[in-house]
Amino acid sequence: MSKSPLKDTLVFEPIQVGDVTLSNRIVYCPTTRFRAAKSPNEIGAHLPSDLMLEYYSQRAQYPGTLLVTEATFVSRGAGGYDGIPAIATEEETKAWKKIVDAVHAKKSFISLQAWFLGRVADARILKKEGQKYVAPSVIYPDGRTKHLSEKAGLPLTELSIPEIHDLIHKDYAIAAKNAMSAGFDFFEIHFAHGYLPDSFLHESSNQRTDKYGGTIENRARFGLELIDHLSTIIPPSKLAIRLSPWAEIQGIYEETSPIPQFSYFLDQLQKRANNGQELGYVSVVEPRVQGVVTADLEDMKGSNQFVEEVWKGITLRAGNYTYDAPEFKQIKEDVSNGRTLVGFSRYFISNPDLVSKLKNDPSSLVKYNRELFYQPYNWGYNTYDGKDYDEDTEKKRVAKPIQRSEVNL
C-alpha cells in the first residue's frame, strides 16, 4: 500500500460546516443519474428509488463525510426531465427520508440539491405533465430546445413578477420545508450551469426591463430574495448555494468578465452573514469544468480566487481535483485556508469508498467510465467496478440509452 500525501493534512482534520462537524473535507458533489422511480400516484418518474438508497448509503461509508444529492426538482413546474427525483410531495419526502436515515446511520451527512430547470427543460415532458415552460426572458438556450418547444406546442414564456414570487414563496419554500422534514442537513440551491436561477444572473439569458433585470443589482435580486425568504423558513446555517461563474454552457455566455456580477452577489451573502444570517456553505464549480467537458489548465478563462476574497464562510470547490494525482498539490493548496472543502463527482461514481482510498491508497482508485453513467440499467451505478462490462451484450439487453445534451456534474 502506498502512503497518501493527504492522510496527515488538513483534508482529514474535522471542520465545522453550519451546525455539523465533518470528519474530513472531501465532499461528494452531485452526479445526476436518472434513477428515480415511477409513482402510481403521479405522471413521470420522480420518486427517490431503492437504487438511490443503496447508492448514497454506499458513499456515506466513511463516517463524517458530506454528500450532496443529485439535483432534485423543487416542484413539478421545475421539471422537464424524466427519471429525476423531486421533493414536492409527501410521498417523495418520505422516500428521501429513508435515504437520509441510511446516510445518518453511517454517521455521515447529506445535503439536498434543489433544482429548477427553466429554459433548458424538455418542453415535451413539461407538456405531458401539464406544466408551463418558463425563463427570466424568452431566449431559448439553443436551436434544439426551441425545436422541442415548437414540437410540443409549448412556447417559452417570460416569468411575471407574481410568478417569480410564487417560485420563491411556494415552489422553493415547500421543497425546503420538505427537505427539513426528511432530515437533510443542508438545502443547497442549484444556482449554476444555466438553469433557472443562474439564468437570472447573466445578460445573455436575462434581458428583462423590470426590477429583476438590466443591472448587476437587479439580476441578483431573484437569488437574494430567495435566500432571504428561505432564511425565514429554515435556519440560514442549513442553506447553501452552488454557483458556476465561469461555465459557458446551455446558452450562457459572457461578453465581459463574470466577476463583477458574482462578486456583488457574494458580497450581499457576506453582508447577511455579518448580520448573523450566514449560509452553511457556498459551492463553486471550478472554471476548468464546462458541463461535461474539462478544459485544459492553460485554456481556463478565469479563476475562482475572487470567491474566497469576498465570501469568508465555508466554500466547497469542485472540479477535476485528480489532475495532479498522486501529489494532490491543488487540494492541499485549496484547503490550506482552513475553510475550504473539496468536491469529487466522477471518481465517487466508480469508488464508493473514495474517501478511504484518498486517505490510505490513492493508487487503488478505479477509473470511471463515462459511457456507463447514464445507461438505463444498473451497470455504472451500484454495480460499478470498472470492469466485467460487455458493451455489445448490454446494448442487446436494454432499450436505447438515455440521452441528455447536458448533465449535472
Protein backbone atom coordinates (compact mmCIF):
# COMPACT_ATOMS: atom_id res chain seq x y z
CA MET A 1 0.00 0.00 0.00
CA SER A 2 1.38 3.39 -0.99
CA LYS A 3 1.16 6.19 1.55
CA SER A 4 -1.21 9.01 0.66
CA PRO A 5 0.12 12.57 0.76
CA LEU A 6 -3.32 13.63 2.04
CA LYS A 7 -3.54 11.44 5.15
CA ASP A 8 -1.77 13.78 7.56
CA THR A 9 -3.03 17.07 6.13
CA LEU A 10 -5.96 19.42 6.82
CA VAL A 11 -8.02 17.30 4.41
CA PHE A 12 -8.56 14.81 7.22
CA GLU A 13 -8.97 17.30 10.03
CA PRO A 14 -12.53 17.97 11.35
CA ILE A 15 -14.29 21.13 10.18
CA GLN A 16 -17.46 22.87 11.31
CA VAL A 17 -19.96 23.43 8.48
CA GLY A 18 -23.21 25.03 9.53
CA ASP A 19 -24.41 23.08 12.55
CA VAL A 20 -22.48 19.88 11.83
CA THR A 21 -18.86 18.81 12.17
CA LEU A 22 -17.39 16.91 9.24
CA SER A 23 -14.55 14.48 9.84
CA ASN A 24 -12.86 15.39 6.56
CA ARG A 25 -13.01 17.98 3.78
CA ILE A 26 -13.79 15.67 0.87
CA VAL A 27 -17.37 16.08 -0.37
CA TYR A 28 -19.41 14.01 -2.78
CA CYS A 29 -20.78 16.53 -5.26
CA PRO A 30 -23.92 15.90 -7.36
CA THR A 31 -23.99 13.44 -10.22
CA THR A 32 -27.40 13.31 -11.87
CA ARG A 33 -28.05 9.69 -12.89
CA PHE A 34 -31.76 9.40 -13.93
CA ARG A 35 -32.62 6.60 -11.49
CA ALA A 36 -35.86 7.92 -9.95
CA ALA A 37 -38.84 5.57 -9.98
CA LYS A 38 -42.41 5.95 -11.21
CA SER A 39 -45.10 6.54 -8.63
CA PRO A 40 -48.59 5.07 -9.03
CA ASN A 41 -49.92 8.45 -7.92
CA GLU A 42 -48.06 10.69 -10.39
CA ILE A 43 -47.18 11.14 -14.05
CA GLY A 44 -43.48 10.62 -14.77
CA ALA A 45 -40.64 9.09 -12.78
CA HIS A 46 -39.72 11.39 -9.89
CA LEU A 47 -39.83 9.18 -6.79
CA PRO A 48 -36.50 8.54 -4.99
CA SER A 49 -35.82 4.86 -5.53
CA ASP A 50 -34.27 1.92 -3.67
CA LEU A 51 -31.39 2.06 -6.14
CA MET A 52 -30.69 5.58 -4.88
CA LEU A 53 -31.00 4.43 -1.28
CA GLU A 54 -28.27 1.87 -1.84
CA TYR A 55 -26.15 4.31 -3.85
CA TYR A 56 -25.98 7.06 -1.22
CA SER A 57 -25.60 4.60 1.64
CA GLN A 58 -22.53 3.13 -0.07
CA ARG A 59 -20.92 6.55 -0.46
CA ALA A 60 -21.57 7.50 3.17
CA GLN A 61 -19.35 4.70 4.45
CA TYR A 62 -16.55 6.95 5.76
CA PRO A 63 -18.12 8.48 8.91
CA GLY A 64 -18.39 12.25 8.93
CA THR A 65 -18.44 12.73 5.16
CA LEU A 66 -20.79 15.20 3.46
CA LEU A 67 -22.76 14.02 0.43
CA VAL A 68 -24.70 16.34 -1.88
CA THR A 69 -27.56 14.62 -3.67
CA GLU A 70 -28.22 14.59 -7.35
CA ALA A 71 -30.20 17.64 -8.45
CA THR A 72 -33.82 17.30 -7.28
CA PHE A 73 -36.88 19.12 -8.61
CA VAL A 74 -38.44 21.52 -6.12
CA SER A 75 -41.83 21.22 -7.85
CA ARG A 76 -43.46 19.77 -10.93
CA GLY A 77 -43.06 23.13 -12.65
CA ALA A 78 -39.31 22.90 -12.01
CA GLY A 79 -39.08 19.74 -14.09
CA GLY A 80 -38.67 18.84 -17.70
CA TYR A 81 -36.58 15.67 -17.49
CA ASP A 82 -37.84 12.20 -16.64
CA GLY A 83 -36.11 9.93 -14.14
CA ILE A 84 -35.18 12.86 -11.88
CA PRO A 85 -36.22 12.78 -8.21
CA ALA A 86 -38.38 15.50 -6.72
CA ILE A 87 -39.20 16.64 -3.20
CA ALA A 88 -42.57 18.25 -3.80
CA THR A 89 -44.96 15.68 -2.34
CA GLU A 90 -45.37 13.79 0.91
CA GLU A 91 -44.58 10.52 -0.87
CA GLU A 92 -41.31 11.90 -2.27
CA THR A 93 -40.37 13.38 1.10
CA LYS A 94 -40.87 10.03 2.84
CA ALA A 95 -38.78 8.27 0.19
CA TRP A 96 -35.98 10.80 0.65
CA LYS A 97 -36.19 10.33 4.43
CA LYS A 98 -35.29 6.66 4.01
CA ILE A 99 -32.15 7.73 2.13
CA VAL A 100 -31.27 10.43 4.66
CA ASP A 101 -31.73 7.98 7.53
CA ALA A 102 -29.43 5.48 5.82
CA VAL A 103 -26.70 8.13 5.42
CA HIS A 104 -27.09 9.24 9.03
CA ALA A 105 -26.89 5.62 10.14
CA LYS A 106 -23.37 5.62 8.67
CA LYS A 107 -22.69 8.78 10.75
CA SER A 108 -22.31 10.90 7.62
CA PHE A 109 -24.23 13.97 6.42
CA ILE A 110 -26.31 14.83 3.38
CA SER A 111 -27.37 17.96 1.50
CA LEU A 112 -30.36 18.15 -0.85
CA GLN A 113 -29.58 19.97 -4.08
CA ALA A 114 -32.68 21.89 -5.20
CA TRP A 115 -33.20 22.13 -8.96
CA PHE A 116 -35.36 24.20 -11.31
CA LEU A 117 -34.56 23.59 -14.97
CA GLY A 118 -36.23 26.59 -16.55
CA ARG A 119 -35.43 27.20 -20.21
CA VAL A 120 -33.20 24.11 -20.62
CA ALA A 121 -36.08 21.74 -19.84
CA ASP A 122 -37.57 19.39 -22.42
CA ALA A 123 -40.85 21.09 -23.32
CA ARG A 124 -42.38 17.75 -24.32
CA ILE A 125 -42.10 16.46 -20.77
CA LEU A 126 -43.42 19.70 -19.31
CA LYS A 127 -46.40 19.48 -21.67
CA LYS A 128 -47.06 15.84 -20.67
CA GLU A 129 -47.02 16.83 -17.00
CA GLY A 130 -49.24 19.87 -17.54
CA GLN A 131 -46.62 22.50 -16.71
CA LYS A 132 -45.51 25.81 -18.20
CA TYR A 133 -42.14 26.38 -19.88
CA VAL A 134 -40.62 29.44 -18.18
CA ALA A 135 -37.50 31.60 -18.02
CA PRO A 136 -36.48 35.14 -17.00
CA SER A 137 -36.72 36.15 -20.68
CA VAL A 138 -37.93 34.47 -23.86
CA ILE A 139 -34.47 33.45 -25.05
CA TYR A 140 -34.03 29.80 -25.98
CA PRO A 141 -30.62 28.39 -25.00
CA ASP A 142 -30.19 26.69 -28.38
CA GLY A 143 -31.97 25.54 -31.51
CA ARG A 144 -32.75 22.10 -30.11
CA THR A 145 -34.76 23.38 -27.15
CA LYS A 146 -36.62 25.78 -29.44
CA HIS A 147 -37.43 22.93 -31.82
CA LEU A 148 -38.72 20.74 -28.97
CA SER A 149 -40.79 23.63 -27.69
CA GLU A 150 -42.40 24.12 -31.09
CA LYS A 151 -42.94 20.39 -31.49
CA ALA A 152 -44.67 20.22 -28.11
CA GLY A 153 -46.74 23.33 -28.78
CA LEU A 154 -45.47 24.79 -25.52
CA PRO A 155 -43.67 28.11 -26.08
CA LEU A 156 -41.14 29.53 -23.67
CA THR A 157 -42.71 32.32 -21.61
CA GLU A 158 -41.25 35.10 -19.51
CA LEU A 159 -41.96 34.80 -15.82
CA SER A 160 -44.25 37.51 -14.49
CA ILE A 161 -43.42 39.17 -11.19
CA PRO A 162 -46.27 37.31 -9.41
CA GLU A 163 -44.94 34.04 -10.86
CA ILE A 164 -41.44 34.85 -9.57
CA HIS A 165 -42.90 35.46 -6.13
CA ASP A 166 -44.72 32.12 -6.32
CA LEU A 167 -41.47 30.31 -7.18
CA ILE A 168 -39.89 31.78 -4.06
CA HIS A 169 -42.81 31.52 -1.64
CA LYS A 170 -44.29 28.24 -2.88
CA ASP A 171 -42.06 26.03 -5.04
CA TYR A 172 -38.77 26.55 -3.20
CA ALA A 173 -40.34 27.16 0.20
CA ILE A 174 -42.32 23.91 0.13
CA ALA A 175 -39.26 21.98 -1.04
CA ALA A 176 -37.13 23.46 1.75
CA LYS A 177 -39.72 22.52 4.36
CA ASN A 178 -39.94 19.01 2.92
CA ALA A 179 -36.14 18.69 2.98
CA MET A 180 -36.09 19.54 6.67
CA SER A 181 -38.92 17.05 7.30
CA ALA A 182 -36.83 14.40 5.57
CA GLY A 183 -33.92 15.23 7.89
CA PHE A 184 -31.48 16.74 5.38
CA ASP A 185 -28.56 18.58 6.94
CA PHE A 186 -28.50 21.24 4.19
CA PHE A 187 -30.70 22.60 1.40
CA GLU A 188 -28.42 23.58 -1.49
CA ILE A 189 -29.91 25.80 -4.20
CA HIS A 190 -28.62 24.85 -7.66
CA PHE A 191 -27.72 28.33 -8.93
CA ALA A 192 -25.37 27.17 -11.68
CA HIS A 193 -24.98 25.80 -15.23
CA GLY A 194 -27.68 27.87 -16.93
CA TYR A 195 -30.67 26.53 -15.01
CA LEU A 196 -33.44 28.91 -13.99
CA PRO A 197 -31.79 30.70 -11.02
CA ASP A 198 -28.46 31.07 -12.86
CA SER A 199 -30.22 32.39 -15.96
CA PHE A 200 -31.32 35.43 -13.94
CA LEU A 201 -27.67 36.40 -13.37
CA HIS A 202 -26.49 36.62 -16.98
CA GLU A 203 -27.19 39.24 -19.63
CA SER A 204 -27.16 36.50 -22.25
CA SER A 205 -30.27 34.93 -20.67
CA ASN A 206 -31.87 37.84 -18.81
CA GLN A 207 -32.99 40.87 -20.82
CA ARG A 208 -35.79 41.96 -18.50
CA THR A 209 -36.52 45.66 -18.07
CA ASP A 210 -38.18 45.40 -14.64
CA LYS A 211 -36.60 45.10 -11.18
CA TYR A 212 -35.23 41.62 -11.99
CA GLY A 213 -33.10 42.65 -14.96
CA GLY A 214 -30.90 45.29 -16.54
CA THR A 215 -28.28 45.90 -13.83
CA ILE A 216 -25.98 43.76 -11.72
CA GLU A 217 -28.11 44.53 -8.68
CA ASN A 218 -31.37 43.67 -10.42
CA ARG A 219 -30.08 40.44 -11.91
CA ALA A 220 -29.04 39.34 -8.41
CA ARG A 221 -32.43 40.23 -6.92
CA PHE A 222 -34.15 36.88 -7.53
CA GLY A 223 -31.40 34.92 -5.79
CA LEU A 224 -31.17 37.27 -2.83
CA GLU A 225 -34.94 37.36 -2.35
CA LEU A 226 -34.96 33.57 -2.50
CA ILE A 227 -32.22 33.30 0.14
CA ASP A 228 -33.92 35.87 2.36
CA HIS A 229 -37.29 34.13 2.25
CA LEU A 230 -35.88 30.64 2.80
CA SER A 231 -33.95 32.03 5.78
CA THR A 232 -37.29 32.72 7.45
CA ILE A 233 -38.38 29.11 6.93
CA ILE A 234 -35.26 27.12 7.80
CA PRO A 235 -32.08 28.18 9.62
CA PRO A 236 -29.67 30.01 7.27
CA SER A 237 -26.96 27.63 8.53
CA LYS A 238 -28.84 24.85 6.73
CA LEU A 239 -28.95 26.78 3.45
CA ALA A 240 -26.28 26.54 0.77
CA ILE A 241 -25.92 27.63 -2.83
CA ARG A 242 -23.99 26.35 -5.85
CA LEU A 243 -22.53 28.81 -8.37
CA SER A 244 -20.63 28.38 -11.66
CA PRO A 245 -19.19 31.82 -12.51
CA TRP A 246 -17.18 30.63 -15.50
CA ALA A 247 -19.45 27.98 -17.04
CA GLU A 248 -20.45 28.92 -20.59
CA ILE A 249 -22.90 26.14 -21.36
CA GLN A 250 -26.58 25.74 -22.20
CA GLY A 251 -26.76 29.12 -23.90
CA ILE A 252 -24.90 31.02 -21.17
CA TYR A 253 -22.02 33.16 -22.38
CA GLU A 254 -20.27 36.29 -21.18
CA GLU A 255 -19.33 39.34 -23.23
CA THR A 256 -17.41 40.66 -20.22
CA SER A 257 -15.96 39.16 -17.03
CA PRO A 258 -18.47 37.46 -14.71
CA ILE A 259 -16.53 38.63 -11.66
CA PRO A 260 -18.46 41.90 -11.05
CA GLN A 261 -21.84 40.12 -11.11
CA PHE A 262 -20.77 37.24 -8.88
CA SER A 263 -18.70 39.44 -6.56
CA TYR A 264 -21.75 41.58 -5.91
CA PHE A 265 -23.91 38.52 -5.24
CA LEU A 266 -21.34 37.01 -2.87
CA ASP A 267 -20.80 40.35 -1.14
CA GLN A 268 -24.53 40.51 -0.42
CA LEU A 269 -24.38 36.99 1.04
CA GLN A 270 -21.40 38.04 3.19
CA LYS A 271 -23.28 41.08 4.48
CA ARG A 272 -26.08 38.76 5.56
CA ALA A 273 -23.51 36.52 7.25
CA ASN A 274 -22.12 39.51 9.12
CA ASN A 275 -25.64 40.10 10.45
CA GLY A 276 -26.00 36.57 11.77
CA GLN A 277 -27.52 35.01 8.64
CA GLU A 278 -24.54 33.02 7.38
CA LEU A 279 -25.18 30.21 4.91
CA GLY A 280 -23.82 26.76 5.65
CA TYR A 281 -21.57 26.89 2.61
CA VAL A 282 -21.15 28.30 -0.90
CA SER A 283 -20.30 25.73 -3.59
CA VAL A 284 -18.43 26.91 -6.68
CA VAL A 285 -17.63 24.98 -9.83
CA GLU A 286 -14.05 25.41 -10.94
CA PRO A 287 -13.54 27.17 -14.32
CA ARG A 288 -11.83 24.13 -15.81
CA VAL A 289 -15.18 22.30 -15.71
CA GLN A 290 -17.54 23.30 -18.53
CA GLY A 291 -20.53 20.99 -18.10
CA VAL A 292 -19.32 17.56 -19.25
CA VAL A 293 -16.11 18.99 -20.73
CA THR A 294 -12.93 19.55 -18.73
CA ALA A 295 -10.79 22.35 -20.17
CA ASP A 296 -7.02 22.17 -20.25
CA LEU A 297 -5.45 24.23 -17.48
CA GLU A 298 -3.93 26.63 -19.97
CA ASP A 299 -7.33 27.18 -21.60
CA MET A 300 -9.21 28.18 -18.44
CA LYS A 301 -10.95 31.53 -18.81
CA GLY A 302 -10.54 32.72 -15.25
CA SER A 303 -10.09 31.87 -11.60
CA ASN A 304 -12.36 31.47 -8.60
CA GLN A 305 -9.83 33.16 -6.36
CA PHE A 306 -12.16 36.16 -6.12
CA VAL A 307 -14.82 34.00 -4.43
CA GLU A 308 -12.83 33.45 -1.26
CA GLU A 309 -11.69 37.08 -1.24
CA VAL A 310 -15.34 38.17 -0.94
CA TRP A 311 -17.02 35.24 0.84
CA LYS A 312 -15.44 34.48 4.22
CA GLY A 313 -17.55 31.46 5.12
CA ILE A 314 -17.16 27.82 4.11
CA THR A 315 -16.53 27.29 0.40
CA LEU A 316 -16.93 24.00 -1.45
CA ARG A 317 -14.79 23.93 -4.59
CA ALA A 318 -15.44 21.23 -7.14
CA GLY A 319 -13.78 20.34 -10.43
CA ASN A 320 -11.12 17.86 -11.52
CA TYR A 321 -9.08 17.50 -8.35
CA THR A 322 -7.38 14.38 -9.68
CA TYR A 323 -5.42 16.05 -12.47
CA ASP A 324 -2.29 16.26 -10.30
CA ALA A 325 -2.65 12.90 -8.53
CA PRO A 326 -0.97 11.34 -6.65
CA GLU A 327 0.67 14.50 -5.25
CA PHE A 328 -2.69 16.36 -4.94
CA LYS A 329 -0.95 19.71 -4.64
CA GLN A 330 -4.11 21.58 -5.67
CA ILE A 331 -6.20 20.00 -2.91
CA LYS A 332 -3.60 20.78 -0.25
CA GLU A 333 -3.29 24.35 -1.51
CA ASP A 334 -7.05 24.93 -1.58
CA VAL A 335 -7.76 23.59 1.93
CA SER A 336 -4.83 25.48 3.45
CA ASN A 337 -7.01 28.47 4.35
CA GLY A 338 -8.94 26.31 6.81
CA ARG A 339 -12.40 26.99 5.35
CA THR A 340 -12.45 25.17 2.01
CA LEU A 341 -13.99 21.80 1.18
CA VAL A 342 -13.03 19.90 -2.00
CA GLY A 343 -15.62 18.12 -4.10
CA PHE A 344 -15.41 14.94 -6.17
CA SER A 345 -18.06 13.57 -8.53
CA ARG A 346 -16.83 11.22 -11.24
CA TYR A 347 -14.38 9.33 -9.06
CA PHE A 348 -17.06 8.95 -6.39
CA ILE A 349 -19.17 7.15 -9.00
CA SER A 350 -16.53 4.47 -9.56
CA ASN A 351 -15.24 4.47 -5.96
CA PRO A 352 -17.92 4.35 -3.25
CA ASP A 353 -15.02 4.17 -0.77
CA LEU A 354 -13.29 7.19 -2.32
CA VAL A 355 -12.57 8.95 0.98
CA SER A 356 -10.80 5.93 2.43
CA LYS A 357 -8.81 5.44 -0.75
CA LEU A 358 -7.70 9.08 -0.85
CA LYS A 359 -6.63 8.77 2.76
CA ASN A 360 -4.83 5.44 2.55
CA ASP A 361 -4.01 4.45 -1.04
CA PRO A 362 -4.92 6.73 -3.98
CA SER A 363 -3.21 4.30 -6.35
CA SER A 364 -6.15 1.92 -5.83
CA LEU A 365 -8.69 4.31 -7.38
CA VAL A 366 -10.89 2.69 -10.05
CA LYS A 367 -11.10 4.82 -13.19
CA TYR A 368 -14.64 5.83 -14.10
CA ASN A 369 -16.22 5.03 -17.47
CA ARG A 370 -18.37 7.94 -18.65
CA GLU A 371 -20.17 5.67 -21.14
CA LEU A 372 -21.79 3.89 -18.19
CA PHE A 373 -23.00 6.99 -16.34
CA TYR A 374 -26.46 7.37 -17.85
CA GLN A 375 -27.36 3.90 -19.08
CA PRO A 376 -30.90 2.80 -18.13
CA TYR A 377 -29.61 -0.38 -16.48
CA ASN A 378 -27.67 -0.78 -13.25
CA TRP A 379 -24.20 -1.03 -14.76
CA GLY A 380 -22.42 2.19 -13.94
CA TYR A 381 -24.46 2.67 -10.78
CA ASN A 382 -24.46 0.35 -7.73
CA THR A 383 -22.74 -2.44 -9.66
CA TYR A 384 -19.89 -0.29 -10.96
CA ASP A 385 -16.46 -1.86 -10.66
CA GLY A 386 -14.81 -0.54 -13.80
CA LYS A 387 -14.57 -3.96 -15.41
CA ASP A 388 -16.64 -7.03 -16.35
CA TYR A 389 -18.72 -4.91 -18.72
CA ASP A 390 -19.55 -6.10 -22.20
CA GLU A 391 -20.99 -3.17 -24.12
CA ASP A 392 -22.41 -5.25 -27.01
CA THR A 393 -24.16 -7.63 -24.63
CA GLU A 394 -25.67 -4.84 -22.58
CA LYS A 395 -26.91 -2.98 -25.65
CA LYS A 396 -28.79 -6.08 -26.74
CA ARG A 397 -30.42 -6.44 -23.32
CA VAL A 398 -31.82 -2.93 -22.96
CA ALA A 399 -33.63 -0.19 -24.80
CA LYS A 400 -31.91 2.81 -26.32
CA PRO A 401 -29.77 4.54 -23.67
CA ILE A 402 -30.98 7.79 -22.13
CA GLN A 403 -29.55 10.77 -23.96
CA ARG A 404 -29.06 14.25 -22.49
CA SER A 405 -27.36 17.23 -24.09
CA GLU A 406 -26.09 18.36 -20.68
CA VAL A 407 -25.85 16.66 -17.35
CA ASN A 408 -25.23 17.90 -13.86
CA LEU A 409 -21.66 17.10 -12.85
